[in-house]
C-alpha atoms as a PDB file:
ATOM      1  CA  MET A   1       8.145 -13.667 -33.477  1.00  0.00           C
ATOM      2  CA  ALA A   2       6.706 -12.366 -36.434  1.00  0.00           C
ATOM      3  CA  PHE A   3       4.653  -8.852 -35.961  1.00  0.00           C
ATOM      4  CA  THR A   4       1.361 -10.516 -36.939  1.00  0.00           C
ATOM      5  CA  ASP A   5       1.488 -13.250 -34.602  1.00  0.00           C
ATOM      6  CA  ILE A   6       2.464 -10.582 -31.722  1.00  0.00           C
ATOM      7  CA  THR A   7      -0.490  -8.639 -33.131  1.00  0.00           C
ATOM      8  CA  ALA A   8      -2.368 -11.607 -33.035  1.00  0.00           C
ATOM      9  CA  LEU A   9      -1.266 -12.423 -29.589  1.00  0.00           C
ATOM     10  CA  ASN A  10      -1.979  -8.678 -28.266  1.00  0.00           C
ATOM     11  CA  GLU A  11      -5.704  -9.058 -29.837  1.00  0.00           C
ATOM     12  CA  LYS A  12      -5.658 -12.443 -27.682  1.00  0.00           C
ATOM     13  CA  VAL A  13      -4.597 -10.824 -24.724  1.00  0.00           C
ATOM     14  CA  ARG A  14      -6.910  -7.648 -24.410  1.00  0.00           C
ATOM     15  CA  GLN A  15      -9.927 -10.460 -24.849  1.00  0.00           C
ATOM     16  CA  GLU A  16      -8.500 -12.294 -22.348  1.00  0.00           C
ATOM     17  CA  SER A  17      -8.144  -9.552 -20.252  1.00  0.00           C
ATOM     18  CA  SER A  18     -11.461  -8.352 -20.080  1.00  0.00           C
ATOM     19  CA  PHE A  19     -12.227  -8.803 -16.470  1.00  0.00           C
ATOM     20  CA  VAL A  20      -9.530  -7.305 -14.963  1.00  0.00           C
ATOM     21  CA  GLN A  21     -10.371  -3.626 -14.899  1.00  0.00           C
ATOM     22  CA  GLY A  22     -14.136  -4.845 -13.738  1.00  0.00           C
ATOM     23  CA  VAL A  23     -12.035  -6.768 -11.009  1.00  0.00           C
ATOM     24  CA  LEU A  24      -9.259  -3.982 -10.116  1.00  0.00           C
ATOM     25  CA  PHE A  25     -12.996  -1.773 -10.010  1.00  0.00           C
ATOM     26  CA  GLU A  26     -14.729  -3.607  -7.301  1.00  0.00           C
ATOM     27  CA  CYS A  27     -11.670  -3.922  -5.388  1.00  0.00           C
ATOM     28  CA  LYS A  28     -11.161  -0.453  -5.366  1.00  0.00           C
ATOM     29  CA  LYS A  29     -14.890   0.411  -3.580  1.00  0.00           C
ATOM     30  CA  VAL A  30     -13.210  -1.103  -0.590  1.00  0.00           C
ATOM     31  CA  ILE A  31      -9.072  -0.651  -0.437  1.00  0.00           C
ATOM     32  CA  VAL A  32      -8.091   2.709  -1.237  1.00  0.00           C
ATOM     33  CA  GLY A  33      -4.683   3.261  -2.612  1.00  0.00           C
ATOM     34  CA  GLN A  34      -2.337  -0.237  -2.331  1.00  0.00           C
ATOM     35  CA  SER A  35      -2.260  -0.331  -6.054  1.00  0.00           C
ATOM     36  CA  ASN A  36       0.765  -2.486  -6.180  1.00  0.00           C
ATOM     37  CA  LEU A  37      -0.513  -4.869  -3.789  1.00  0.00           C
ATOM     38  CA  LEU A  38      -3.467  -5.538  -5.671  1.00  0.00           C
ATOM     39  CA  GLU A  39      -1.520  -5.475  -9.286  1.00  0.00           C
ATOM     40  CA  ARG A  40       0.682  -8.274  -7.525  1.00  0.00           C
ATOM     41  CA  LEU A  41      -2.621 -10.039  -6.165  1.00  0.00           C
ATOM     42  CA  LEU A  42      -3.222 -10.576  -9.811  1.00  0.00           C
ATOM     43  CA  VAL A  43      -0.288 -11.322 -10.988  1.00  0.00           C
ATOM     44  CA  GLY A  44      -0.198 -14.477  -8.738  1.00  0.00           C
ATOM     45  CA  LEU A  45      -3.693 -14.993  -9.610  1.00  0.00           C
ATOM     46  CA  LEU A  46      -2.697 -15.235 -13.593  1.00  0.00           C
ATOM     47  CA  ALA A  47       0.591 -16.723 -12.981  1.00  0.00           C
ATOM     48  CA  ASN A  48      -0.860 -19.575 -10.724  1.00  0.00           C
ATOM     49  CA  GLY A  49       1.480 -18.679  -7.896  1.00  0.00           C
ATOM     50  CA  HIS A  50       1.114 -18.297  -4.164  1.00  0.00           C
ATOM     51  CA  VAL A  51       1.791 -14.828  -2.613  1.00  0.00           C
ATOM     52  CA  LEU A  52       2.873 -14.489   1.126  1.00  0.00           C
ATOM     53  CA  LEU A  53       1.994 -10.480   2.279  1.00  0.00           C
ATOM     54  CA  GLU A  54       3.971  -8.786   4.824  1.00  0.00           C
ATOM     55  CA  SER A  55       3.458  -5.639   6.681  1.00  0.00           C
ATOM     56  CA  VAL A  56       2.759  -4.188  10.310  1.00  0.00           C
ATOM     57  CA  PRO A  57      -0.723  -4.618  11.500  1.00  0.00           C
ATOM     58  CA  GLY A  58      -3.622  -2.343   9.793  1.00  0.00           C
ATOM     59  CA  LEU A  59      -2.791  -2.174   6.786  1.00  0.00           C
ATOM     60  CA  ALA A  60      -5.727  -3.965   5.005  1.00  0.00           C
ATOM     61  CA  LYS A  61      -4.039  -7.160   3.868  1.00  0.00           C
ATOM     62  CA  THR A  62      -6.768  -9.247   5.148  1.00  0.00           C
ATOM     63  CA  THR A  63      -9.447  -6.978   3.942  1.00  0.00           C
ATOM     64  CA  ALA A  64      -7.001  -7.157   0.190  1.00  0.00           C
ATOM     65  CA  VAL A  65      -7.210 -10.978  -0.071  1.00  0.00           C
ATOM     66  CA  LYS A  66     -11.088 -10.629   1.172  1.00  0.00           C
ATOM     67  CA  THR A  67     -12.323  -8.336  -1.349  1.00  0.00           C
ATOM     68  CA  LEU A  68     -10.162 -10.419  -4.127  1.00  0.00           C
ATOM     69  CA  ALA A  69     -11.916 -13.590  -3.302  1.00  0.00           C
ATOM     70  CA  SER A  70     -14.996 -11.925  -3.433  1.00  0.00           C
ATOM     71  CA  THR A  71     -14.993 -10.497  -7.171  1.00  0.00           C
ATOM     72  CA  ILE A  72     -14.392 -14.499  -8.296  1.00  0.00           C
ATOM     73  CA  GLN A  73     -16.985 -17.313  -8.326  1.00  0.00           C
ATOM     74  CA  ALA A  74     -14.985 -19.499  -6.438  1.00  0.00           C
ATOM     75  CA  LYS A  75     -14.849 -21.146  -3.009  1.00  0.00           C
ATOM     76  CA  PHE A  76     -12.927 -19.087  -0.466  1.00  0.00           C
ATOM     77  CA  GLN A  77     -11.641 -20.034   2.827  1.00  0.00           C
ATOM     78  CA  ARG A  78      -9.985 -18.167   5.772  1.00  0.00           C
ATOM     79  CA  ILE A  79      -7.647 -19.700   8.115  1.00  0.00           C
ATOM     80  CA  GLN A  80      -6.579 -18.476  11.071  1.00  0.00           C
ATOM     81  CA  PHE A  81      -2.721 -19.562  11.962  1.00  0.00           C
ATOM     82  CA  THR A  82      -2.429 -20.405  15.691  1.00  0.00           C
ATOM     83  CA  PRO A  83       0.230 -22.237  18.034  1.00  0.00           C
ATOM     84  CA  ASP A  84      -1.844 -24.683  18.749  1.00  0.00           C
ATOM     85  CA  MET A  85      -2.800 -26.090  15.116  1.00  0.00           C
ATOM     86  CA  LEU A  86      -2.385 -29.282  13.928  1.00  0.00           C
ATOM     87  CA  PRO A  87      -2.404 -30.706  10.443  1.00  0.00           C
ATOM     88  CA  ALA A  88      -6.160 -32.353  10.198  1.00  0.00           C
ATOM     89  CA  ASP A  89      -7.390 -28.527  11.048  1.00  0.00           C
ATOM     90  CA  LEU A  90      -5.869 -27.969   7.241  1.00  0.00           C
ATOM     91  CA  THR A  91      -6.230 -31.206   5.389  1.00  0.00           C
ATOM     92  CA  GLY A  92      -9.209 -32.831   7.176  1.00  0.00           C
ATOM     93  CA  THR A  93      -9.382 -36.165   8.979  1.00  0.00           C
ATOM     94  CA  LEU A  94     -10.554 -39.963   8.478  1.00  0.00           C
ATOM     95  CA  ILE A  95     -13.816 -40.329  10.366  1.00  0.00           C
ATOM     96  CA  TYR A  96     -15.098 -43.363  11.185  1.00  0.00           C
ATOM     97  CA  ASP A  97     -18.694 -44.188  10.473  1.00  0.00           C
ATOM     98  CA  GLN A  98     -20.709 -46.813  12.704  1.00  0.00           C
ATOM     99  CA  ARG A  99     -23.250 -47.297  10.478  1.00  0.00           C
ATOM    100  CA  THR A 100     -21.282 -48.303   7.285  1.00  0.00           C
ATOM    101  CA  THR A 101     -18.143 -49.412   9.376  1.00  0.00           C
ATOM    102  CA  GLU A 102     -15.607 -47.790   6.838  1.00  0.00           C
ATOM    103  CA  PHE A 103     -13.692 -44.229   7.191  1.00  0.00           C
ATOM    104  CA  LYS A 104     -14.886 -41.905   5.752  1.00  0.00           C
ATOM    105  CA  MET A 105     -12.841 -38.673   4.755  1.00  0.00           C
ATOM    106  CA  GLN A 106     -14.021 -35.255   6.167  1.00  0.00           C
ATOM    107  CA  ARG A 107     -12.264 -32.411   4.081  1.00  0.00           C
ATOM    108  CA  GLY A 108     -10.462 -29.569   5.986  1.00  0.00           C
ATOM    109  CA  PRO A 109     -10.860 -25.964   4.625  1.00  0.00           C
ATOM    110  CA  LEU A 110      -7.946 -26.112   2.047  1.00  0.00           C
ATOM    111  CA  PHE A 111     -10.253 -27.937  -0.283  1.00  0.00           C
ATOM    112  CA  ALA A 112     -11.215 -24.450  -1.672  1.00  0.00           C
ATOM    113  CA  ASN A 113      -9.616 -22.117  -4.217  1.00  0.00           C
ATOM    114  CA  LEU A 114      -8.289 -19.242  -2.785  1.00  0.00           C
ATOM    115  CA  ILE A 115      -7.161 -19.661   0.579  1.00  0.00           C
ATOM    116  CA  LEU A 116      -6.206 -17.067   3.301  1.00  0.00           C
ATOM    117  CA  ALA A 117      -3.654 -18.316   5.530  1.00  0.00           C
ATOM    118  CA  ASP A 118      -3.553 -15.452   8.206  1.00  0.00           C
ATOM    119  CA  GLU A 119      -0.587 -14.829  10.403  1.00  0.00           C
ATOM    120  CA  ILE A 120       1.004 -18.285   8.615  1.00  0.00           C
ATOM    121  CA  ASN A 121       4.159 -17.405  10.865  1.00  0.00           C
ATOM    122  CA  ARG A 122       2.158 -18.450  14.002  1.00  0.00           C
ATOM    123  CA  ALA A 123       1.749 -22.147  13.002  1.00  0.00           C
ATOM    124  CA  PRO A 124       3.981 -24.766  13.978  1.00  0.00           C
ATOM    125  CA  ALA A 125       6.294 -26.890  11.754  1.00  0.00           C
ATOM    126  CA  LYS A 126       3.726 -29.715  11.101  1.00  0.00           C
ATOM    127  CA  VAL A 127       1.080 -27.526  10.133  1.00  0.00           C
ATOM    128  CA  GLN A 128       3.061 -25.303   7.690  1.00  0.00           C
ATOM    129  CA  SER A 129       4.473 -28.763   6.083  1.00  0.00           C
ATOM    130  CA  ALA A 130       1.210 -30.115   5.681  1.00  0.00           C
ATOM    131  CA  LEU A 131       0.444 -26.707   3.986  1.00  0.00           C
ATOM    132  CA  LEU A 132       3.755 -27.223   1.844  1.00  0.00           C
ATOM    133  CA  GLU A 133       2.706 -29.938   0.156  1.00  0.00           C
ATOM    134  CA  ALA A 134      -0.891 -28.594  -0.883  1.00  0.00           C
ATOM    135  CA  MET A 135       0.591 -25.543  -2.402  1.00  0.00           C
ATOM    136  CA  GLN A 136       3.831 -27.097  -4.413  1.00  0.00           C
ATOM    137  CA  GLU A 137       2.309 -30.532  -5.478  1.00  0.00           C
ATOM    138  CA  ARG A 138      -1.578 -29.732  -5.776  1.00  0.00           C
ATOM    139  CA  GLN A 139      -2.157 -32.275  -3.137  1.00  0.00           C
ATOM    140  CA  ILE A 140      -3.256 -33.611   0.177  1.00  0.00           C
ATOM    141  CA  THR A 141      -3.052 -36.968   1.861  1.00  0.00           C
ATOM    142  CA  VAL A 142      -4.503 -38.064   4.769  1.00  0.00           C
ATOM    143  CA  GLY A 143      -3.409 -41.346   5.869  1.00  0.00           C
ATOM    144  CA  THR A 144      -3.224 -43.247   2.807  1.00  0.00           C
ATOM    145  CA  ASN A 145      -5.768 -41.377   0.745  1.00  0.00           C
ATOM    146  CA  THR A 146      -4.329 -38.461  -2.237  1.00  0.00           C
ATOM    147  CA  MET A 147      -6.673 -36.106  -3.348  1.00  0.00           C
ATOM    148  CA  LYS A 148      -5.957 -33.470  -6.146  1.00  0.00           C
ATOM    149  CA  LEU A 149      -6.694 -29.760  -5.798  1.00  0.00           C
ATOM    150  CA  ASP A 150      -8.852 -27.981  -8.250  1.00  0.00           C
ATOM    151  CA  ASP A 151      -6.948 -26.376 -10.857  1.00  0.00           C
ATOM    152  CA  LEU A 152      -7.985 -22.632  -9.210  1.00  0.00           C
ATOM    153  CA  PHE A 153      -5.531 -23.213  -5.528  1.00  0.00           C
ATOM    154  CA  MET A 154      -3.977 -20.254  -4.343  1.00  0.00           C
ATOM    155  CA  VAL A 155      -2.558 -19.642  -1.439  1.00  0.00           C
ATOM    156  CA  LEU A 156      -2.766 -15.948  -0.336  1.00  0.00           C
ATOM    157  CA  ALA A 157      -0.652 -15.588   3.303  1.00  0.00           C
ATOM    158  CA  THR A 158       0.031 -12.946   5.457  1.00  0.00           C
ATOM    159  CA  GLN A 159       2.420 -12.423   8.025  1.00  0.00           C
ATOM    160  CA  ASN A 160       3.488  -9.695  10.801  1.00  0.00           C
ATOM    161  CA  PRO A 161       7.035  -8.583  10.734  1.00  0.00           C
ATOM    162  CA  ILE A 162       7.255  -6.565  14.212  1.00  0.00           C
ATOM    163  CA  GLU A 163       5.942  -9.091  16.633  1.00  0.00           C
ATOM    164  CA  GLN A 164       7.367 -12.384  16.989  1.00  0.00           C
ATOM    165  CA  GLU A 165       6.237 -13.695  20.398  1.00  0.00           C
ATOM    166  CA  GLY A 166       4.345 -16.545  19.567  1.00  0.00           C
ATOM    167  CA  THR A 167       6.072 -17.051  16.285  1.00  0.00           C
ATOM    168  CA  TYR A 168       7.766 -19.896  14.277  1.00  0.00           C
ATOM    169  CA  ARG A 169      10.064 -18.632  11.895  1.00  0.00           C
ATOM    170  CA  LEU A 170       8.847 -19.618   7.947  1.00  0.00           C
ATOM    171  CA  PRO A 171      11.760 -21.875   6.678  1.00  0.00           C
ATOM    172  CA  GLU A 172      13.496 -21.221   3.809  1.00  0.00           C
ATOM    173  CA  ALA A 173      12.181 -23.894   1.652  1.00  0.00           C
ATOM    174  CA  GLN A 174       8.656 -22.854   2.293  1.00  0.00           C
ATOM    175  CA  VAL A 175       8.999 -18.964   1.968  1.00  0.00           C
ATOM    176  CA  ASP A 176      10.742 -20.144  -1.631  1.00  0.00           C
ATOM    177  CA  ARG A 177       7.575 -22.032  -2.677  1.00  0.00           C
ATOM    178  CA  PHE A 178       5.646 -18.676  -2.632  1.00  0.00           C
ATOM    179  CA  MET A 179       5.916 -16.828  -6.140  1.00  0.00           C
ATOM    180  CA  LEU A 180       6.336 -13.023  -4.847  1.00  0.00           C
ATOM    181  CA  LYS A 181       6.431 -11.769  -1.367  1.00  0.00           C
ATOM    182  CA  VAL A 182       5.024  -8.396  -1.103  1.00  0.00           C
ATOM    183  CA  LYS A 183       5.535  -5.791   1.743  1.00  0.00           C
ATOM    184  CA  LEU A 184       2.768  -2.867   2.318  1.00  0.00           C
ATOM    185  CA  THR A 185       3.556   0.452   3.059  1.00  0.00           C
ATOM    186  CA  TYR A 186       1.788   3.159   4.909  1.00  0.00           C
ATOM    187  CA  PRO A 187      -1.134   5.323   2.856  1.00  0.00           C
ATOM    188  CA  ASN A 188      -0.109   8.424   2.271  1.00  0.00           C
ATOM    189  CA  LYS A 189      -2.198  11.784   3.939  1.00  0.00           C
ATOM    190  CA  GLU A 190      -4.413  11.897   1.378  1.00  0.00           C
ATOM    191  CA  GLU A 191      -5.094   8.206   1.183  1.00  0.00           C
ATOM    192  CA  GLU A 192      -5.816   7.862   4.587  1.00  0.00           C
ATOM    193  CA  TRP A 193      -8.229  10.811   4.863  1.00  0.00           C
ATOM    194  CA  GLU A 194      -9.972   9.077   2.125  1.00  0.00           C
ATOM    195  CA  ILE A 195     -10.007   5.663   4.368  1.00  0.00           C
ATOM    196  CA  LEU A 196     -11.376   8.296   7.215  1.00  0.00           C
ATOM    197  CA  LYS A 197     -14.322   9.049   5.136  1.00  0.00           C
ATOM    198  CA  ARG A 198     -15.366   5.577   3.309  1.00  0.00           C
ATOM    199  CA  MET A 199     -14.744   3.271   6.541  1.00  0.00           C
ATOM    200  CA  SER A 200     -15.355   5.511   9.931  1.00  0.00           C
ATOM    201  CA  PHE A 201     -19.062   4.302  10.463  1.00  0.00           C
ATOM    202  CA  THR A 202     -20.431   1.699  12.518  1.00  0.00           C
ATOM    203  CA  GLY A 203     -21.803  -1.181  10.763  1.00  0.00           C
ATOM    204  CA  HIS A 204     -20.360  -0.008   7.322  1.00  0.00           C
ATOM    205  CA  HIS A 205     -20.471  -2.367   4.556  1.00  0.00           C
ATOM    206  CA  ILE A 206     -19.874  -2.229   1.282  1.00  0.00           C
ATOM    207  CA  GLU A 207     -21.109  -4.414  -1.242  1.00  0.00           C
ATOM    208  CA  VAL A 208     -18.560  -6.159  -3.382  1.00  0.00           C
ATOM    209  CA  ASN A 209     -19.806  -8.163  -6.733  1.00  0.00           C
ATOM    210  CA  PRO A 210     -18.359 -11.801  -8.131  1.00  0.00           C
ATOM    211  CA  VAL A 211     -17.694 -10.533 -12.038  1.00  0.00           C
ATOM    212  CA  VAL A 212     -15.257 -13.151 -12.572  1.00  0.00           C
ATOM    213  CA  THR A 213     -15.325 -17.016 -13.063  1.00  0.00           C
ATOM    214  CA  THR A 214     -12.850 -19.639 -12.168  1.00  0.00           C
ATOM    215  CA  GLN A 215     -12.677 -20.826 -15.846  1.00  0.00           C
ATOM    216  CA  GLN A 216     -12.038 -16.807 -17.024  1.00  0.00           C
ATOM    217  CA  ILE A 217      -9.447 -17.172 -15.016  1.00  0.00           C
ATOM    218  CA  ILE A 218      -8.101 -20.543 -15.729  1.00  0.00           C
ATOM    219  CA  ASN A 219      -8.330 -19.150 -19.803  1.00  0.00           C
ATOM    220  CA  ALA A 220      -6.476 -16.201 -19.095  1.00  0.00           C
ATOM    221  CA  ARG A 221      -3.519 -18.516 -17.709  1.00  0.00           C
ATOM    222  CA  ASN A 222      -3.466 -20.161 -20.680  1.00  0.00           C
ATOM    223  CA  VAL A 223      -3.304 -16.986 -22.675  1.00  0.00           C
ATOM    224  CA  VAL A 224      -0.243 -16.042 -20.264  1.00  0.00           C
ATOM    225  CA  ASP A 225       1.785 -19.138 -20.837  1.00  0.00           C
ATOM    226  CA  ASP A 226       1.541 -17.982 -25.179  1.00  0.00           C
ATOM    227  CA  ILE A 227       3.068 -14.571 -24.141  1.00  0.00           C
ATOM    228  CA  TYR A 228       6.399 -14.417 -26.066  1.00  0.00           C
ATOM    229  CA  VAL A 229       9.594 -14.369 -23.943  1.00  0.00           C
ATOM    230  CA  ASP A 230      12.801 -12.638 -26.569  1.00  0.00           C
ATOM    231  CA  GLU A 231      15.755 -14.929 -26.097  1.00  0.00           C
ATOM    232  CA  LYS A 232      17.560 -11.480 -25.195  1.00  0.00           C
ATOM    233  CA  VAL A 233      14.979 -11.010 -22.288  1.00  0.00           C
ATOM    234  CA  GLN A 234      15.315 -14.511 -21.391  1.00  0.00           C
ATOM    235  CA  LYS A 235      18.786 -14.397 -21.318  1.00  0.00           C
ATOM    236  CA  TYR A 236      18.383 -11.355 -18.973  1.00  0.00           C
ATOM    237  CA  ILE A 237      16.282 -12.744 -17.047  1.00  0.00           C
ATOM    238  CA  VAL A 238      19.352 -15.609 -16.059  1.00  0.00           C
ATOM    239  CA  ASP A 239      21.905 -12.948 -15.711  1.00  0.00           C
ATOM    240  CA  ILE A 240      19.714 -11.328 -12.858  1.00  0.00           C
ATOM    241  CA  VAL A 241      19.357 -14.819 -10.944  1.00  0.00           C
ATOM    242  CA  ASP A 242      22.825 -15.507 -11.769  1.00  0.00           C
ATOM    243  CA  ALA A 243      24.313 -12.554 -10.230  1.00  0.00           C
ATOM    244  CA  THR A 244      22.614 -13.405  -7.083  1.00  0.00           C
ATOM    245  CA  ARG A 245      24.994 -16.269  -6.551  1.00  0.00           C
ATOM    246  CA  SER A 246      27.556 -15.131  -8.581  1.00  0.00           C
ATOM    247  CA  PRO A 247      27.900 -11.523  -8.607  1.00  0.00           C
ATOM    248  CA  GLU A 248      31.861 -11.595  -9.323  1.00  0.00           C
ATOM    249  CA  LYS A 249      31.135 -12.093 -12.524  1.00  0.00           C
ATOM    250  CA  TYR A 250      29.192  -9.233 -13.218  1.00  0.00           C
ATOM    251  CA  LYS A 251      31.900  -6.914 -11.768  1.00  0.00           C
ATOM    252  CA  LEU A 252      29.769  -6.778  -8.246  1.00  0.00           C
ATOM    253  CA  ASN A 253      32.434  -8.188  -6.642  1.00  0.00           C
ATOM    254  CA  ASP A 254      31.206  -5.812  -3.037  1.00  0.00           C
ATOM    255  CA  LEU A 255      28.222  -8.230  -2.823  1.00  0.00           C
ATOM    256  CA  LYS A 256      29.907 -10.961  -3.114  1.00  0.00           C
ATOM    257  CA  GLY A 257      30.960 -11.053   0.957  1.00  0.00           C
ATOM    258  CA  LEU A 258      26.767  -9.819   1.687  1.00  0.00           C
ATOM    259  CA  ILE A 259      25.242 -12.902  -0.230  1.00  0.00           C
ATOM    260  CA  GLN A 260      25.011 -16.473   1.587  1.00  0.00           C
ATOM    261  CA  TYR A 261      22.421 -18.090  -0.855  1.00  0.00           C
ATOM    262  CA  GLY A 262      21.287 -16.696  -3.918  1.00  0.00           C
ATOM    263  CA  GLY A 263      18.138 -17.673  -6.095  1.00  0.00           C
ATOM    264  CA  SER A 264      17.292 -20.711  -6.912  1.00  0.00           C
ATOM    265  CA  PRO A 265      16.092 -21.843 -10.519  1.00  0.00           C
ATOM    266  CA  ARG A 266      12.831 -21.819  -8.870  1.00  0.00           C
ATOM    267  CA  ALA A 267      13.685 -17.900  -9.073  1.00  0.00           C
ATOM    268  CA  THR A 268      14.590 -18.391 -12.591  1.00  0.00           C
ATOM    269  CA  ILE A 269      11.263 -19.813 -13.382  1.00  0.00           C
ATOM    270  CA  ASN A 270       9.241 -17.581 -11.523  1.00  0.00           C
ATOM    271  CA  LEU A 271      10.564 -14.499 -12.656  1.00  0.00           C
ATOM    272  CA  THR A 272      10.029 -15.539 -16.184  1.00  0.00           C
ATOM    273  CA  ILE A 273       6.200 -16.357 -15.716  1.00  0.00           C
ATOM    274  CA  ALA A 274       5.181 -13.519 -13.401  1.00  0.00           C
ATOM    275  CA  SER A 275       6.764 -11.259 -15.964  1.00  0.00           C
ATOM    276  CA  LYS A 276       4.595 -12.725 -18.703  1.00  0.00           C
ATOM    277  CA  ALA A 277       1.495 -12.355 -16.211  1.00  0.00           C
ATOM    278  CA  TYR A 278       2.603  -8.196 -15.818  1.00  0.00           C
ATOM    279  CA  ALA A 279       2.701  -7.927 -19.081  1.00  0.00           C
ATOM    280  CA  PHE A 280      -0.794  -9.599 -19.340  1.00  0.00           C
ATOM    281  CA  LEU A 281      -1.942  -7.076 -17.066  1.00  0.00           C
ATOM    282  CA  GLN A 282      -0.093  -4.426 -19.185  1.00  0.00           C
ATOM    283  CA  GLY A 283      -2.655  -5.417 -22.018  1.00  0.00           C
ATOM    284  CA  ARG A 284       0.447  -6.529 -24.019  1.00  0.00           C
ATOM    285  CA  GLY A 285       1.574 -10.480 -25.373  1.00  0.00           C
ATOM    286  CA  TYR A 286       5.594  -9.903 -24.739  1.00  0.00           C
ATOM    287  CA  VAL A 287       7.516  -9.406 -22.478  1.00  0.00           C
ATOM    288  CA  THR A 288       9.861  -6.316 -22.028  1.00  0.00           C
ATOM    289  CA  PRO A 289      13.012  -5.994 -19.726  1.00  0.00           C
ATOM    290  CA  GLN A 290      10.645  -3.307 -17.887  1.00  0.00           C
ATOM    291  CA  ASP A 291       8.389  -6.029 -16.946  1.00  0.00           C
ATOM    292  CA  VAL A 292      10.962  -8.134 -15.382  1.00  0.00           C
ATOM    293  CA  LYS A 293      12.511  -5.080 -13.223  1.00  0.00           C
ATOM    294  CA  SER A 294       8.879  -4.059 -12.296  1.00  0.00           C
ATOM    295  CA  ILE A 295       7.842  -7.445 -11.046  1.00  0.00           C
ATOM    296  CA  GLY A 296      11.811  -8.620  -9.834  1.00  0.00           C
ATOM    297  CA  MET A 297      12.004  -7.483  -6.652  1.00  0.00           C
ATOM    298  CA  ASP A 298       8.806  -9.217  -5.633  1.00  0.00           C
ATOM    299  CA  VAL A 299      10.384 -12.555  -6.733  1.00  0.00           C
ATOM    300  CA  LEU A 300      13.585 -12.156  -5.372  1.00  0.00           C
ATOM    301  CA  ARG A 301      13.591 -10.514  -2.216  1.00  0.00           C
ATOM    302  CA  HIS A 302      12.400 -13.830  -0.314  1.00  0.00           C
ATOM    303  CA  ARG A 303      15.114 -15.941  -2.073  1.00  0.00           C
ATOM    304  CA  ILE A 304      18.412 -13.995  -1.108  1.00  0.00           C
ATOM    305  CA  ILE A 305      19.770 -14.943   2.148  1.00  0.00           C
ATOM    306  CA  VAL A 306      22.012 -12.601   3.100  1.00  0.00           C
ATOM    307  CA  THR A 307      25.215 -13.004   5.380  1.00  0.00           C
ATOM    308  CA  TYR A 308      25.985 -11.675   8.742  1.00  0.00           C
ATOM    309  CA  GLU A 309      28.456  -9.205   7.531  1.00  0.00           C
ATOM    310  CA  ALA A 310      25.571  -7.568   5.520  1.00  0.00           C
ATOM    311  CA  GLU A 311      23.472  -7.613   8.659  1.00  0.00           C
ATOM    312  CA  ALA A 312      26.451  -5.607  10.122  1.00  0.00           C
ATOM    313  CA  GLU A 313      26.425  -3.600   7.520  1.00  0.00           C
ATOM    314  CA  GLU A 314      22.639  -3.146   7.657  1.00  0.00           C
ATOM    315  CA  LYS A 315      22.354  -4.381   3.832  1.00  0.00           C
ATOM    316  CA  THR A 316      19.188  -6.431   2.745  1.00  0.00           C
ATOM    317  CA  SER A 317      18.236  -8.393   0.424  1.00  0.00           C
ATOM    318  CA  GLU A 318      16.197  -5.800  -1.408  1.00  0.00           C
ATOM    319  CA  ASP A 319      19.443  -3.357  -1.460  1.00  0.00           C
ATOM    320  CA  ILE A 320      20.998  -6.142  -3.458  1.00  0.00           C
ATOM    321  CA  VAL A 321      18.414  -6.715  -5.678  1.00  0.00           C
ATOM    322  CA  THR A 322      18.126  -2.955  -6.572  1.00  0.00           C
ATOM    323  CA  ARG A 323      21.538  -3.272  -7.162  1.00  0.00           C
ATOM    324  CA  ILE A 324      21.945  -6.160  -9.199  1.00  0.00           C
ATOM    325  CA  PHE A 325      18.908  -4.408 -11.369  1.00  0.00           C
ATOM    326  CA  ASN A 326      21.058  -0.753 -11.761  1.00  0.00           C
ATOM    327  CA  GLU A 327      24.036  -2.706 -12.911  1.00  0.00           C
ATOM    328  CA  ILE A 328      23.226  -5.264 -14.970  1.00  0.00           C
ATOM    329  CA  PRO A 329      22.788  -4.322 -18.436  1.00  0.00           C
ATOM    330  CA  VAL A 330      19.286  -3.973 -20.347  1.00  0.00           C
ATOM    331  CA  PRO A 331      18.962  -5.751 -24.079  1.00  0.00           C
END
């Protein structure tokens, strides 16, 4: 790509990303620290991908999603998942109207733009399957009726990794539908003190203002699609994902016995799109290898299935991803 084209693309990114700072400003009224989380939520929003948030209770997963939704002029729906849920509780159902003697569609909470699927691993398999169709196909089927969802449709799911009673483990096929899996960590002492000063009041409410429209987000997504990825960076992404399947090809022989299944082609696609969205947030019209490294862990950590041998050695998928990024030559 010519230098003039990159310059024009950089300018386009600068114009279309003007809302990002406003969104972050509003979110940081409520969220202390957690800049990595906010950045990943924006990447998912710009890359048209779904995000799975995992942490122990009380680290502002739900608060962060609700706050982000408050900055967007879009329909937001929170769904609290429970073991007794039915698919109709998500999708809606057909109601018989005695006056017209016809069935009418009563739409469920999935017909929104931003969905907070709170404690998603508490839902039984049938409910997870109903959500799966909406996430993957961007449509919902009730009876013989299939209805398309809005262009802006994003599922932000939360799960608690430590409390397993009454939970249904998400199958790999569904976890793979999430573009990013983000793990939250505890705040440091300074951040926790700021949280105390800001939040320790009964009846305390911080007003968050909507600063971006759905059309602005869709326009930004179109610019993200145009962001330039050099052929060398494309090959780098392919090497990273291929190394999760065949580490011995990259002289990572000790990883071969630790990986049961590596990343699918969906991992390659999502890593590329997420890297473009990350570059957009940095105000650039092109992707660098550092963009791939920065977002790579969140794209790959849930797509690598480790063996029993890895579990015995207390090796996680994150250890494997870190090793691969450290060893694969950067273009």
